[in-house]
Protein backbone atom coordinates (compact mmCIF):
# COMPACT_ATOMS: atom_id res chain seq x y z
CA UNK A 1 74.45 138.95 220.99
CA UNK A 2 75.11 136.12 218.61
CA UNK A 3 73.44 137.34 215.42
CA UNK A 4 72.93 134.97 212.51
CA UNK A 5 74.62 137.22 209.94
CA UNK A 6 77.93 137.25 208.06
CA UNK A 7 78.71 140.98 208.25
CA UNK A 8 77.28 144.15 209.78
CA UNK A 9 77.81 147.61 208.29
CA UNK A 10 76.74 150.95 209.75
CA UNK A 11 76.64 154.07 207.56
CA UNK A 12 77.63 157.31 209.28
CA UNK A 13 78.69 160.81 208.24
CA UNK A 14 81.49 161.82 210.66
CA UNK A 15 80.41 165.36 211.46
CA UNK A 16 80.40 167.05 214.86
CA UNK A 17 76.62 167.24 214.93
CA UNK A 18 76.29 163.47 214.56
CA UNK A 19 78.83 162.36 217.18
CA UNK A 20 76.10 161.43 219.67
CA UNK A 21 74.42 159.21 217.09
CA UNK A 22 77.60 157.23 216.57
CA UNK A 23 78.55 157.01 220.24
CA UNK A 24 75.12 155.69 221.14
CA UNK A 25 75.60 152.83 218.70
CA UNK A 26 79.28 152.30 219.51
CA UNK A 27 78.23 151.68 223.12
CA UNK A 28 75.42 149.35 222.05
CA UNK A 29 77.70 147.30 219.79
CA UNK A 30 80.35 147.04 222.53
CA UNK A 31 77.85 146.02 225.20
CA UNK A 32 76.47 143.31 222.93
CA UNK A 33 79.82 142.14 221.54
CA UNK A 34 78.90 142.96 217.94
CA UNK A 35 81.60 143.49 215.33
CA UNK A 36 80.54 146.28 212.98
CA UNK A 37 82.28 148.00 210.09
CA UNK A 38 81.60 151.75 210.12
CA UNK A 39 81.16 153.14 206.62
CA UNK A 40 82.17 156.80 206.87
CA UNK A 41 83.71 157.66 203.51
CA UNK A 42 82.32 159.55 200.52
CA UNK A 43 81.85 163.02 202.08
CA UNK A 44 79.12 165.17 200.46
CA UNK A 45 81.58 167.67 198.99
CA UNK A 46 83.29 164.85 197.10
CA UNK A 47 80.18 162.79 196.43
CA UNK A 48 78.49 165.65 194.59
CA UNK A 49 81.17 165.38 191.88
CA UNK A 50 79.45 162.20 190.70
CA UNK A 51 77.23 162.50 187.65
CA UNK A 52 73.85 163.27 189.24
CA UNK A 53 71.72 165.18 186.72
CA UNK A 54 68.73 162.84 187.21
CA UNK A 55 68.94 163.14 190.99
CA UNK A 56 69.23 166.92 190.81
CA UNK A 57 66.12 167.14 188.64
CA UNK A 58 64.23 164.96 191.14
CA UNK A 59 65.30 167.12 194.09
CA UNK A 60 64.34 170.33 192.28
CA UNK A 61 60.93 168.88 191.39
CA UNK A 62 59.91 166.84 194.45
CA UNK A 63 62.56 167.20 197.12
CA UNK A 64 62.22 169.20 200.35
CA UNK A 65 60.33 172.42 199.77
CA UNK A 66 63.42 174.52 200.51
CA UNK A 67 65.15 172.87 197.52
CA UNK A 68 62.40 173.13 194.95
CA UNK A 69 63.45 175.60 192.30
CA UNK A 70 66.58 176.61 194.27
CA UNK A 71 69.61 175.19 192.44
CA UNK A 72 72.16 176.01 195.15
CA UNK A 73 70.17 174.36 197.95
CA UNK A 74 69.28 171.42 195.71
CA UNK A 75 72.96 170.85 194.88
CA UNK A 76 73.89 170.90 198.57
CA UNK A 77 71.13 168.43 199.36
CA UNK A 78 72.24 166.20 196.47
CA UNK A 79 75.69 165.98 198.02
CA UNK A 80 74.20 164.54 201.21
CA UNK A 81 71.97 162.11 199.31
CA UNK A 82 74.82 160.89 197.09
CA UNK A 83 77.11 160.48 200.10
CA UNK A 84 74.61 158.06 201.63
CA UNK A 85 73.97 156.26 198.33
CA UNK A 86 77.71 155.65 197.91
CA UNK A 87 77.92 154.26 201.44
CA UNK A 88 75.19 151.75 200.66
CA UNK A 89 76.89 150.92 197.36
CA UNK A 90 80.10 150.23 199.27
CA UNK A 91 78.27 147.69 201.46
CA UNK A 92 76.94 145.88 198.40
CA UNK A 93 80.34 145.92 196.66
CA UNK A 94 82.04 144.61 199.81
CA UNK A 95 79.52 141.81 200.14
CA UNK A 96 80.22 140.62 196.61
CA UNK A 97 83.99 140.99 196.94
CA UNK A 98 84.04 138.90 200.12
CA UNK A 99 81.27 136.49 199.19
CA UNK A 100 79.19 137.23 202.29
CA UNK A 101 75.94 135.26 202.02
CA UNK A 102 73.93 137.78 204.07
CA UNK A 103 74.75 141.25 205.38
CA UNK A 104 72.98 143.62 207.74
CA UNK A 105 73.15 147.29 206.72
CA UNK A 106 72.37 149.98 209.30
CA UNK A 107 72.33 153.76 209.35
CA UNK A 108 73.34 155.74 212.41
CA UNK A 109 69.76 156.75 213.29
CA UNK A 110 68.55 153.16 213.69
CA UNK A 111 66.71 152.39 216.94
CA UNK A 112 68.27 149.18 218.26
CA UNK A 113 67.10 149.95 221.78
CA UNK A 114 63.45 148.86 221.65
CA UNK A 115 62.34 145.62 219.98
CA UNK A 116 65.70 144.64 218.43
CA UNK A 117 67.19 141.57 220.11
CA UNK A 118 69.12 138.40 219.31
CA UNK A 119 65.93 136.33 219.41
CA UNK A 120 64.03 138.79 217.18
CA UNK A 121 66.84 139.12 214.64
CA UNK A 122 67.62 135.42 214.37
CA UNK A 123 63.93 134.54 213.99
CA UNK A 124 63.77 137.04 211.11
CA UNK A 125 66.84 135.43 209.55
CA UNK A 126 65.35 131.96 209.88
CA UNK A 127 62.18 133.07 208.07
CA UNK A 128 64.29 135.01 205.53
CA UNK A 129 66.11 131.80 204.61
CA UNK A 130 63.01 129.62 204.73
CA UNK A 131 61.33 131.90 202.17
CA UNK A 132 64.48 132.08 199.98
CA UNK A 133 64.38 135.88 200.11
CA UNK A 134 66.92 138.28 198.62
CA UNK A 135 66.18 141.43 200.64
CA UNK A 136 64.44 142.21 203.91
CA UNK A 137 63.61 145.67 205.20
CA UNK A 138 63.58 145.30 208.96
CA UNK A 139 63.40 149.06 209.42
CA UNK A 140 60.33 151.16 208.73
CA UNK A 141 59.12 154.75 208.78
CA UNK A 142 56.11 156.88 207.87
CA UNK A 143 53.70 154.32 209.32
CA UNK A 144 54.51 151.68 206.71
CA UNK A 145 53.61 148.18 207.86
CA UNK A 146 52.40 144.92 206.37
CA UNK A 147 48.61 144.82 206.74
CA UNK A 148 48.10 141.10 207.39
CA UNK A 149 49.97 139.81 210.42
CA UNK A 150 50.07 136.19 211.65
CA UNK A 151 50.88 135.33 215.25
CA UNK A 152 54.45 134.05 215.55
CA UNK A 153 55.48 135.24 212.08
CA UNK A 154 57.93 138.12 211.60
CA UNK A 155 58.76 138.22 207.88
CA UNK A 156 56.21 138.93 205.14
CA UNK A 157 56.87 138.74 201.41
CA UNK A 158 54.71 140.06 198.59
CA UNK A 159 55.57 141.07 195.03
CA UNK A 160 54.21 144.58 195.67
CA UNK A 161 56.64 145.36 198.52
CA UNK A 162 59.40 147.88 197.82
CA UNK A 163 61.85 149.59 200.18
CA UNK A 164 60.91 150.85 203.62
CA UNK A 165 63.65 153.36 204.41
CA UNK A 166 67.29 152.20 204.53
CA UNK A 167 68.27 152.38 208.22
CA UNK A 168 68.03 148.60 208.77
CA UNK A 169 67.89 145.94 206.05
CA UNK A 170 69.24 142.51 205.13
CA UNK A 171 70.76 141.82 201.71
CA UNK A 172 71.41 138.31 200.42
CA UNK A 173 74.25 137.80 197.95
CA UNK A 174 71.82 136.91 195.14
CA UNK A 175 70.03 140.18 195.80
CA UNK A 176 73.37 141.99 195.92
CA UNK A 177 74.21 140.72 192.44
CA UNK A 178 70.98 142.25 191.15
CA UNK A 179 71.37 145.49 193.12
CA UNK A 180 74.93 145.91 191.89
CA UNK A 181 73.80 146.09 188.27
CA UNK A 182 72.12 149.46 188.91
CA UNK A 183 73.09 150.93 192.27
CA UNK A 184 75.95 153.00 190.87
CA UNK A 185 73.53 155.04 188.78
CA UNK A 186 72.69 158.14 190.81
CA UNK A 187 69.04 158.73 190.02
CA UNK A 188 67.20 159.14 193.33
CA UNK A 189 67.52 159.04 197.12
CA UNK A 190 68.76 155.67 198.45
CA UNK A 191 65.36 154.23 199.38
CA UNK A 192 63.70 155.42 196.17
CA UNK A 193 66.62 154.12 194.15
CA UNK A 194 66.07 150.73 195.79
CA UNK A 195 62.39 150.92 194.81
CA UNK A 196 63.42 151.21 191.18
CA UNK A 197 65.97 148.38 191.40
CA UNK A 198 63.59 146.05 193.26
CA UNK A 199 60.96 146.50 190.56
CA UNK A 200 63.38 146.28 187.63
CA UNK A 201 65.19 143.17 188.89
CA UNK A 202 62.13 141.54 190.51
CA UNK A 203 64.06 141.16 193.75
CA UNK A 204 62.33 138.85 196.21
CA UNK A 205 61.81 141.42 198.93
CA UNK A 206 60.05 141.35 202.30
CA UNK A 207 59.19 143.46 205.36
CA UNK A 208 59.65 142.53 209.00
CA UNK A 209 56.91 142.99 211.58
CA UNK A 210 57.45 144.33 214.14
CA UNK A 211 59.80 146.70 212.37
CA UNK A 212 62.89 148.52 213.64
CA UNK A 213 62.28 152.24 213.95
CA UNK A 214 64.43 155.36 213.83
CA UNK A 215 65.59 157.35 216.82
CA UNK A 216 64.54 160.72 215.42
CA UNK A 217 61.47 161.95 213.61
CA UNK A 218 61.70 160.99 209.97
CA UNK A 219 61.18 163.35 207.07
CA UNK A 220 61.01 161.74 203.65
CA UNK A 221 63.85 162.85 201.41
CA UNK A 222 61.72 162.93 198.27
CA UNK A 223 57.93 163.20 198.46
């Protein structure tokens, strides 16, 4: 594949239980001659040392039911959430440090085996540029989709659109500059944290249709 993008990142926690996830994508990237930087740092046990009082309160109040009111389980879950947040922050920092105009950020549960293709991706990028967008959520979950679809159009922008999970999205350098002002505050799960930043910074954000799904059933991190 010859993708119209400056850099591809894939976030992955290197644990034994997730080896198959990584290998599946390693094979896909190799078969399609895609150069990808794997972001595997910031383990949960280290990540949880970050200041995360706001996140902890959110998990205790509206996180998975097993965590609500249970400080020990909530703390453990926070470590996993912060680990992923820091991986996404790394991608944004790296983009700004290297002056990449556009980056593609993936997570290891992204489904690149169905509708994802060179033609699909590059058409999305063309529309992304034509609309002067700053962020594009190509991935989706929980049945989220743009309600008004036009034949031949893939990218849809509206001021009401926020994040749509974080397993597959495009970030433009102008958007990265805005994201970077706030992304190091640990206040919520990665997608919900993006919701807050998108609203606060009025990031010009869009959704892609058809979207790129996840390989496993998705459970929202915070209800």
